Amino acid sequence: MGDGKAFPTLAEVEKRLIYLALKKTSNNRNEAANLIGINVRTLRNKLKEYEGGSASDDDSMLDVPPKEAVQK
């Protein structure tokens, strides 16, 4: 895009949606999964995937809480 900002990928949008749902539900995984319409097992797998991300992952575009805030 011409504004110099990178357009987010679908994976980045998905990650942001998951973390926003967790924030809205005070990190209740069952409620967060229901809120965004996925199975809680899928949510858990996504969170594990994010924890295994490389140090080069750019979370500057995301409103991502600390990892310890989403672990239960």
PDB file of N, CA and C in Angstrom:
ATOM      1  N   MET A   1       0.834  -1.168   0.000  1.00  0.00           N
ATOM      2  CA  MET A   1       0.000   0.000   0.000  1.00  0.00           C
ATOM      3  C   MET A   1       0.886   1.241   0.000  1.00  0.00           C
ATOM      4  N   GLY A   2       0.371   2.337  -0.384  1.00  0.00           N
ATOM      5  CA  GLY A   2       1.151   3.546  -0.525  1.00  0.00           C
ATOM      6  C   GLY A   2       1.450   4.282   0.761  1.00  0.00           C
ATOM      7  N   ASP A   3       0.877   3.860   1.886  1.00  0.00           N
ATOM      8  CA  ASP A   3       1.070   4.588   3.130  1.00  0.00           C
ATOM      9  C   ASP A   3       2.298   4.136   3.925  1.00  0.00           C
ATOM     10  N   GLY A   4       3.043   3.170   3.416  1.00  0.00           N
ATOM     11  CA  GLY A   4       4.254   2.704   4.081  1.00  0.00           C
ATOM     12  C   GLY A   4       4.022   1.654   5.153  1.00  0.00           C
ATOM     13  N   LYS A   5       2.764   1.363   5.472  1.00  0.00           N
ATOM     14  CA  LYS A   5       2.447   0.339   6.464  1.00  0.00           C
ATOM     15  C   LYS A   5       2.162  -0.976   5.769  1.00  0.00           C
ATOM     16  N   ALA A   6       2.690  -2.049   6.323  1.00  0.00           N
ATOM     17  CA  ALA A   6       2.432  -3.374   5.764  1.00  0.00           C
ATOM     18  C   ALA A   6       0.993  -3.767   6.058  1.00  0.00           C
ATOM     19  N   PHE A   7       0.348  -4.341   5.079  1.00  0.00           N
ATOM     20  CA  PHE A   7      -1.022  -4.825   5.267  1.00  0.00           C
ATOM     21  C   PHE A   7      -0.931  -6.142   6.024  1.00  0.00           C
ATOM     22  N   PRO A   8      -1.743  -6.334   7.066  1.00  0.00           N
ATOM     23  CA  PRO A   8      -1.627  -7.566   7.866  1.00  0.00           C
ATOM     24  C   PRO A   8      -2.041  -8.797   7.077  1.00  0.00           C
ATOM     25  N   THR A   9      -1.389  -9.902   7.374  1.00  0.00           N
ATOM     26  CA  THR A   9      -1.749 -11.173   6.747  1.00  0.00           C
ATOM     27  C   THR A   9      -2.967 -11.749   7.465  1.00  0.00           C
ATOM     28  N   LEU A  10      -3.581 -12.744   6.862  1.00  0.00           N
ATOM     29  CA  LEU A  10      -4.713 -13.417   7.488  1.00  0.00           C
ATOM     30  C   LEU A  10      -4.294 -14.037   8.814  1.00  0.00           C
ATOM     31  N   ALA A  11      -3.103 -14.610   8.866  1.00  0.00           N
ATOM     32  CA  ALA A  11      -2.601 -15.215  10.111  1.00  0.00           C
ATOM     33  C   ALA A  11      -2.459 -14.166  11.207  1.00  0.00           C
ATOM     34  N   GLU A  12      -1.994 -12.976  10.856  1.00  0.00           N
ATOM     35  CA  GLU A  12      -1.857 -11.900  11.839  1.00  0.00           C
ATOM     36  C   GLU A  12      -3.222 -11.430  12.343  1.00  0.00           C
ATOM     37  N   VAL A  13      -4.179 -11.338  11.437  1.00  0.00           N
ATOM     38  CA  VAL A  13      -5.536 -10.935  11.817  1.00  0.00           C
ATOM     39  C   VAL A  13      -6.156 -11.993  12.731  1.00  0.00           C
ATOM     40  N   GLU A  14      -5.964 -13.255  12.378  1.00  0.00           N
ATOM     41  CA  GLU A  14      -6.476 -14.355  13.202  1.00  0.00           C
ATOM     42  C   GLU A  14      -5.880 -14.296  14.606  1.00  0.00           C
ATOM     43  N   LYS A  15      -4.583 -14.088  14.690  1.00  0.00           N
ATOM     44  CA  LYS A  15      -3.897 -14.021  15.981  1.00  0.00           C
ATOM     45  C   LYS A  15      -4.430 -12.853  16.806  1.00  0.00           C
ATOM     46  N   ARG A  16      -4.603 -11.721  16.173  1.00  0.00           N
ATOM     47  CA  ARG A  16      -5.122 -10.549  16.879  1.00  0.00           C
ATOM     48  C   ARG A  16      -6.538 -10.811  17.381  1.00  0.00           C
ATOM     49  N   LEU A  17      -7.372 -11.425  16.553  1.00  0.00           N
ATOM     50  CA  LEU A  17      -8.741 -11.740  16.954  1.00  0.00           C
ATOM     51  C   LEU A  17      -8.762 -12.651  18.180  1.00  0.00           C
ATOM     52  N   ILE A  18      -7.908 -13.655  18.182  1.00  0.00           N
ATOM     53  CA  ILE A  18      -7.845 -14.583  19.310  1.00  0.00           C
ATOM     54  C   ILE A  18      -7.427 -13.857  20.582  1.00  0.00           C
ATOM     55  N   TYR A  19      -6.389 -13.030  20.504  1.00  0.00           N
ATOM     56  CA  TYR A  19      -5.939 -12.317  21.694  1.00  0.00           C
ATOM     57  C   TYR A  19      -6.957 -11.274  22.157  1.00  0.00           C
ATOM     58  N   LEU A  20      -7.652 -10.644  21.236  1.00  0.00           N
ATOM     59  CA  LEU A  20      -8.701  -9.700  21.626  1.00  0.00           C
ATOM     60  C   LEU A  20      -9.854 -10.420  22.319  1.00  0.00           C
ATOM     61  N   ALA A  21     -10.210 -11.599  21.831  1.00  0.00           N
ATOM     62  CA  ALA A  21     -11.271 -12.390  22.470  1.00  0.00           C
ATOM     63  C   ALA A  21     -10.847 -12.811  23.870  1.00  0.00           C
ATOM     64  N   LEU A  22      -9.588 -13.214  24.027  1.00  0.00           N
ATOM     65  CA  LEU A  22      -9.091 -13.577  25.353  1.00  0.00           C
ATOM     66  C   LEU A  22      -9.115 -12.374  26.294  1.00  0.00           C
ATOM     67  N   LYS A  23      -8.746 -11.221  25.770  1.00  0.00           N
ATOM     68  CA  LYS A  23      -8.758 -10.009  26.587  1.00  0.00           C
ATOM     69  C   LYS A  23     -10.186  -9.677  27.025  1.00  0.00           C
ATOM     70  N   LYS A  24     -11.126  -9.761  26.103  1.00  0.00           N
ATOM     71  CA  LYS A  24     -12.522  -9.433  26.391  1.00  0.00           C
ATOM     72  C   LYS A  24     -13.130 -10.398  27.407  1.00  0.00           C
ATOM     73  N   THR A  25     -12.680 -11.639  27.410  1.00  0.00           N
ATOM     74  CA  THR A  25     -13.237 -12.655  28.307  1.00  0.00           C
ATOM     75  C   THR A  25     -12.355 -12.889  29.530  1.00  0.00           C
ATOM     76  N   SER A  26     -11.481 -11.966  29.826  1.00  0.00           N
ATOM     77  CA  SER A  26     -10.558 -12.093  30.969  1.00  0.00           C
ATOM     78  C   SER A  26      -9.782 -13.408  30.912  1.00  0.00           C
ATOM     79  N   ASN A  27      -9.337 -13.750  29.704  1.00  0.00           N
ATOM     80  CA  ASN A  27      -8.516 -14.935  29.450  1.00  0.00           C
ATOM     81  C   ASN A  27      -9.231 -16.263  29.690  1.00  0.00           C
ATOM     82  N   ASN A  28     -10.555 -16.255  29.608  1.00  0.00           N
ATOM     83  CA  ASN A  28     -11.321 -17.493  29.711  1.00  0.00           C
ATOM     84  C   ASN A  28     -11.351 -18.129  28.328  1.00  0.00           C
ATOM     85  N   ARG A  29     -10.623 -19.218  28.182  1.00  0.00           N
ATOM     86  CA  ARG A  29     -10.476 -19.851  26.865  1.00  0.00           C
ATOM     87  C   ARG A  29     -11.794 -20.377  26.307  1.00  0.00           C
ATOM     88  N   ASN A  30     -12.634 -20.955  27.153  1.00  0.00           N
ATOM     89  CA  ASN A  30     -13.919 -21.463  26.671  1.00  0.00           C
ATOM     90  C   ASN A  30     -14.788 -20.327  26.131  1.00  0.00           C
ATOM     91  N   GLU A  31     -14.889 -19.244  26.890  1.00  0.00           N
ATOM     92  CA  GLU A  31     -15.688 -18.103  26.445  1.00  0.00           C
ATOM     93  C   GLU A  31     -15.095 -17.458  25.197  1.00  0.00           C
ATOM     94  N   ALA A  32     -13.783 -17.332  25.148  1.00  0.00           N
ATOM     95  CA  ALA A  32     -13.129 -16.724  23.995  1.00  0.00           C
ATOM     96  C   ALA A  32     -13.380 -17.548  22.734  1.00  0.00           C
ATOM     97  N   ALA A  33     -13.265 -18.860  22.850  1.00  0.00           N
ATOM     98  CA  ALA A  33     -13.518 -19.739  21.704  1.00  0.00           C
ATOM     99  C   ALA A  33     -14.965 -19.598  21.224  1.00  0.00           C
ATOM    100  N   ASN A  34     -15.895 -19.591  22.166  1.00  0.00           N
ATOM    101  CA  ASN A  34     -17.302 -19.416  21.797  1.00  0.00           C
ATOM    102  C   ASN A  34     -17.548 -18.063  21.150  1.00  0.00           C
ATOM    103  N   LEU A  35     -16.901 -17.031  21.669  1.00  0.00           N
ATOM    104  CA  LEU A  35     -17.077 -15.679  21.150  1.00  0.00           C
ATOM    105  C   LEU A  35     -16.697 -15.572  19.676  1.00  0.00           C
ATOM    106  N   ILE A  36     -15.618 -16.243  19.287  1.00  0.00           N
ATOM    107  CA  ILE A  36     -15.161 -16.132  17.895  1.00  0.00           C
ATOM    108  C   ILE A  36     -15.561 -17.326  17.035  1.00  0.00           C
ATOM    109  N   GLY A  37     -16.294 -18.273  17.645  1.00  0.00           N
ATOM    110  CA  GLY A  37     -16.862 -19.365  16.860  1.00  0.00           C
ATOM    111  C   GLY A  37     -15.914 -20.486  16.493  1.00  0.00           C
ATOM    112  N   ILE A  38     -14.987 -20.780  17.403  1.00  0.00           N
ATOM    113  CA  ILE A  38     -14.092 -21.912  17.173  1.00  0.00           C
ATOM    114  C   ILE A  38     -14.147 -22.847  18.376  1.00  0.00           C
ATOM    115  N   ASN A  39     -13.646 -24.047  18.196  1.00  0.00           N
ATOM    116  CA  ASN A  39     -13.577 -25.030  19.261  1.00  0.00           C
ATOM    117  C   ASN A  39     -12.458 -24.638  20.223  1.00  0.00           C
ATOM    118  N   VAL A  40     -12.651 -24.884  21.506  1.00  0.00           N
ATOM    119  CA  VAL A  40     -11.629 -24.534  22.490  1.00  0.00           C
ATOM    120  C   VAL A  40     -10.320 -25.283  22.212  1.00  0.00           C
ATOM    121  N   ARG A  41     -10.397 -26.483  21.657  1.00  0.00           N
ATOM    122  CA  ARG A  41      -9.187 -27.229  21.298  1.00  0.00           C
ATOM    123  C   ARG A  41      -8.418 -26.494  20.192  1.00  0.00           C
ATOM    124  N   THR A  42      -9.142 -25.933  19.234  1.00  0.00           N
ATOM    125  CA  THR A  42      -8.502 -25.154  18.175  1.00  0.00           C
ATOM    126  C   THR A  42      -7.824 -23.927  18.762  1.00  0.00           C
ATOM    127  N   LEU A  43      -8.502 -23.269  19.692  1.00  0.00           N
ATOM    128  CA  LEU A  43      -7.918 -22.103  20.349  1.00  0.00           C
ATOM    129  C   LEU A  43      -6.634 -22.486  21.074  1.00  0.00           C
ATOM    130  N   ARG A  44      -6.674 -23.573  21.817  1.00  0.00           N
ATOM    131  CA  ARG A  44      -5.491 -24.039  22.543  1.00  0.00           C
ATOM    132  C   ARG A  44      -4.343 -24.341  21.579  1.00  0.00           C
ATOM    133  N   ASN A  45      -4.649 -24.994  20.465  1.00  0.00           N
ATOM    134  CA  ASN A  45      -3.607 -25.316  19.480  1.00  0.00           C
ATOM    135  C   ASN A  45      -3.014 -24.053  18.863  1.00  0.00           C
ATOM    136  N   LYS A  46      -3.866 -23.068  18.594  1.00  0.00           N
ATOM    137  CA  LYS A  46      -3.366 -21.802  18.042  1.00  0.00           C
ATOM    138  C   LYS A  46      -2.436 -21.115  19.032  1.00  0.00           C
ATOM    139  N   LEU A  47      -2.806 -21.105  20.305  1.00  0.00           N
ATOM    140  CA  LEU A  47      -1.958 -20.475  21.318  1.00  0.00           C
ATOM    141  C   LEU A  47      -0.611 -21.170  21.422  1.00  0.00           C
ATOM    142  N   LYS A  48      -0.615 -22.498  21.348  1.00  0.00           N
ATOM    143  CA  LYS A  48       0.652 -23.243  21.365  1.00  0.00           C
ATOM    144  C   LYS A  48       1.494 -22.887  20.143  1.00  0.00           C
ATOM    145  N   GLU A  49       0.829 -22.742  19.013  1.00  0.00           N
ATOM    146  CA  GLU A  49       1.517 -22.358  17.769  1.00  0.00           C
ATOM    147  C   GLU A  49       2.156 -20.979  17.917  1.00  0.00           C
ATOM    148  N   TYR A  50       1.453 -20.037  18.533  1.00  0.00           N
ATOM    149  CA  TYR A  50       1.990 -18.686  18.715  1.00  0.00           C
ATOM    150  C   TYR A  50       3.170 -18.688  19.666  1.00  0.00           C
ATOM    151  N   GLU A  51       3.120 -19.512  20.700  1.00  0.00           N
ATOM    152  CA  GLU A  51       4.230 -19.593  21.646  1.00  0.00           C
ATOM    153  C   GLU A  51       5.484 -20.137  20.974  1.00  0.00           C
ATOM    154  N   GLY A  52       5.309 -20.962  19.962  1.00  0.00           N
ATOM    155  CA  GLY A  52       6.441 -21.554  19.261  1.00  0.00           C
ATOM    156  C   GLY A  52       6.950 -20.690  18.126  1.00  0.00           C
ATOM    157  N   GLY A  53       6.376 -19.499  17.972  1.00  0.00           N
ATOM    158  CA  GLY A  53       6.769 -18.604  16.886  1.00  0.00           C
ATOM    159  C   GLY A  53       8.200 -18.149  17.040  1.00  0.00           C
ATOM    160  N   SER A  54       8.790 -17.733  15.946  1.00  0.00           N
ATOM    161  CA  SER A  54      10.184 -17.299  15.970  1.00  0.00           C
ATOM    162  C   SER A  54      10.305 -15.907  16.567  1.00  0.00           C
ATOM    163  N   ALA A  55      11.498 -15.571  16.994  1.00  0.00           N
ATOM    164  CA  ALA A  55      11.756 -14.257  17.577  1.00  0.00           C
ATOM    165  C   ALA A  55      11.567 -13.151  16.557  1.00  0.00           C
ATOM    166  N   SER A  56      11.549 -13.495  15.283  1.00  0.00           N
ATOM    167  CA  SER A  56      11.389 -12.480  14.250  1.00  0.00           C
ATOM    168  C   SER A  56       9.926 -12.143  13.984  1.00  0.00           C
ATOM    169  N   ASP A  57       8.990 -12.844  14.659  1.00  0.00           N
ATOM    170  CA  ASP A  57       7.580 -12.515  14.496  1.00  0.00           C
ATOM    171  C   ASP A  57       7.365 -11.065  14.898  1.00  0.00           C
ATOM    172  N   ASP A  58       6.648 -10.311  14.069  1.00  0.00           N
ATOM    173  CA  ASP A  58       6.412  -8.899  14.335  1.00  0.00           C
ATOM    174  C   ASP A  58       5.049  -8.737  14.979  1.00  0.00           C
ATOM    175  N   ASP A  59       5.018  -8.583  16.297  1.00  0.00           N
ATOM    176  CA  ASP A  59       3.766  -8.379  17.012  1.00  0.00           C
ATOM    177  C   ASP A  59       3.481  -6.897  17.215  1.00  0.00           C
ATOM    178  N   SER A  60       4.279  -6.019  16.602  1.00  0.00           N
ATOM    179  CA  SER A  60       4.083  -4.595  16.809  1.00  0.00           C
ATOM    180  C   SER A  60       2.733  -4.119  16.294  1.00  0.00           C
ATOM    181  N   MET A  61       2.152  -4.843  15.340  1.00  0.00           N
ATOM    182  CA  MET A  61       0.858  -4.462  14.786  1.00  0.00           C
ATOM    183  C   MET A  61      -0.286  -5.026  15.617  1.00  0.00           C
ATOM    184  N   LEU A  62       0.037  -5.892  16.556  1.00  0.00           N
ATOM    185  CA  LEU A  62      -0.987  -6.610  17.294  1.00  0.00           C
ATOM    186  C   LEU A  62      -1.089  -6.127  18.724  1.00  0.00           C
ATOM    187  N   ASP A  63      -2.282  -6.228  19.273  1.00  0.00           N
ATOM    188  CA  ASP A  63      -2.502  -5.926  20.680  1.00  0.00           C
ATOM    189  C   ASP A  63      -2.383  -7.247  21.420  1.00  0.00           C
ATOM    190  N   VAL A  64      -1.139  -7.673  21.646  1.00  0.00           N
ATOM    191  CA  VAL A  64      -0.884  -9.006  22.185  1.00  0.00           C
ATOM    192  C   VAL A  64      -0.522  -8.913  23.659  1.00  0.00           C
ATOM    193  N   PRO A  65      -1.315  -9.588  24.529  1.00  0.00           N
ATOM    194  CA  PRO A  65      -0.968  -9.589  25.945  1.00  0.00           C
ATOM    195  C   PRO A  65       0.233 -10.485  26.192  1.00  0.00           C
ATOM    196  N   PRO A  66       0.900 -10.332  27.328  1.00  0.00           N
ATOM    197  CA  PRO A  66       2.020 -11.217  27.648  1.00  0.00           C
ATOM    198  C   PRO A  66       1.575 -12.670  27.643  1.00  0.00           C
ATOM    199  N   LYS A  67       2.481 -13.571  27.292  1.00  0.00           N
ATOM    200  CA  LYS A  67       2.149 -14.997  27.213  1.00  0.00           C
ATOM    201  C   LYS A  67       1.579 -15.519  28.519  1.00  0.00           C
ATOM    202  N   GLU A  68       2.142 -15.056  29.657  1.00  0.00           N
ATOM    203  CA  GLU A  68       1.668 -15.568  30.926  1.00  0.00           C
ATOM    204  C   GLU A  68       0.222 -15.160  31.204  1.00  0.00           C
ATOM    205  N   ALA A  69      -0.263 -14.116  30.567  1.00  0.00           N
ATOM    206  CA  ALA A  69      -1.637 -13.658  30.779  1.00  0.00           C
ATOM    207  C   ALA A  69      -2.651 -14.566  30.075  1.00  0.00           C
ATOM    208  N   VAL A  70      -2.217 -15.336  29.070  1.00  0.00           N
ATOM    209  CA  VAL A  70      -3.147 -16.191  28.349  1.00  0.00           C
ATOM    210  C   VAL A  70      -3.016 -17.654  28.731  1.00  0.00           C
ATOM    211  N   GLN A  71      -2.051 -17.990  29.559  1.00  0.00           N
ATOM    212  CA  GLN A  71      -1.890 -19.379  29.977  1.00  0.00           C
ATOM    213  C   GLN A  71      -2.766 -19.637  31.181  1.00  0.00           C
ATOM    214  N   LYS A  72      -3.477 -20.747  31.151  1.00  0.00           N
ATOM    215  CA  LYS A  72      -4.325 -21.135  32.295  1.00  0.00           C
ATOM    216  C   LYS A  72      -4.055 -22.557  32.658  1.00  0.00           C
TER     217      LYS A  72
END
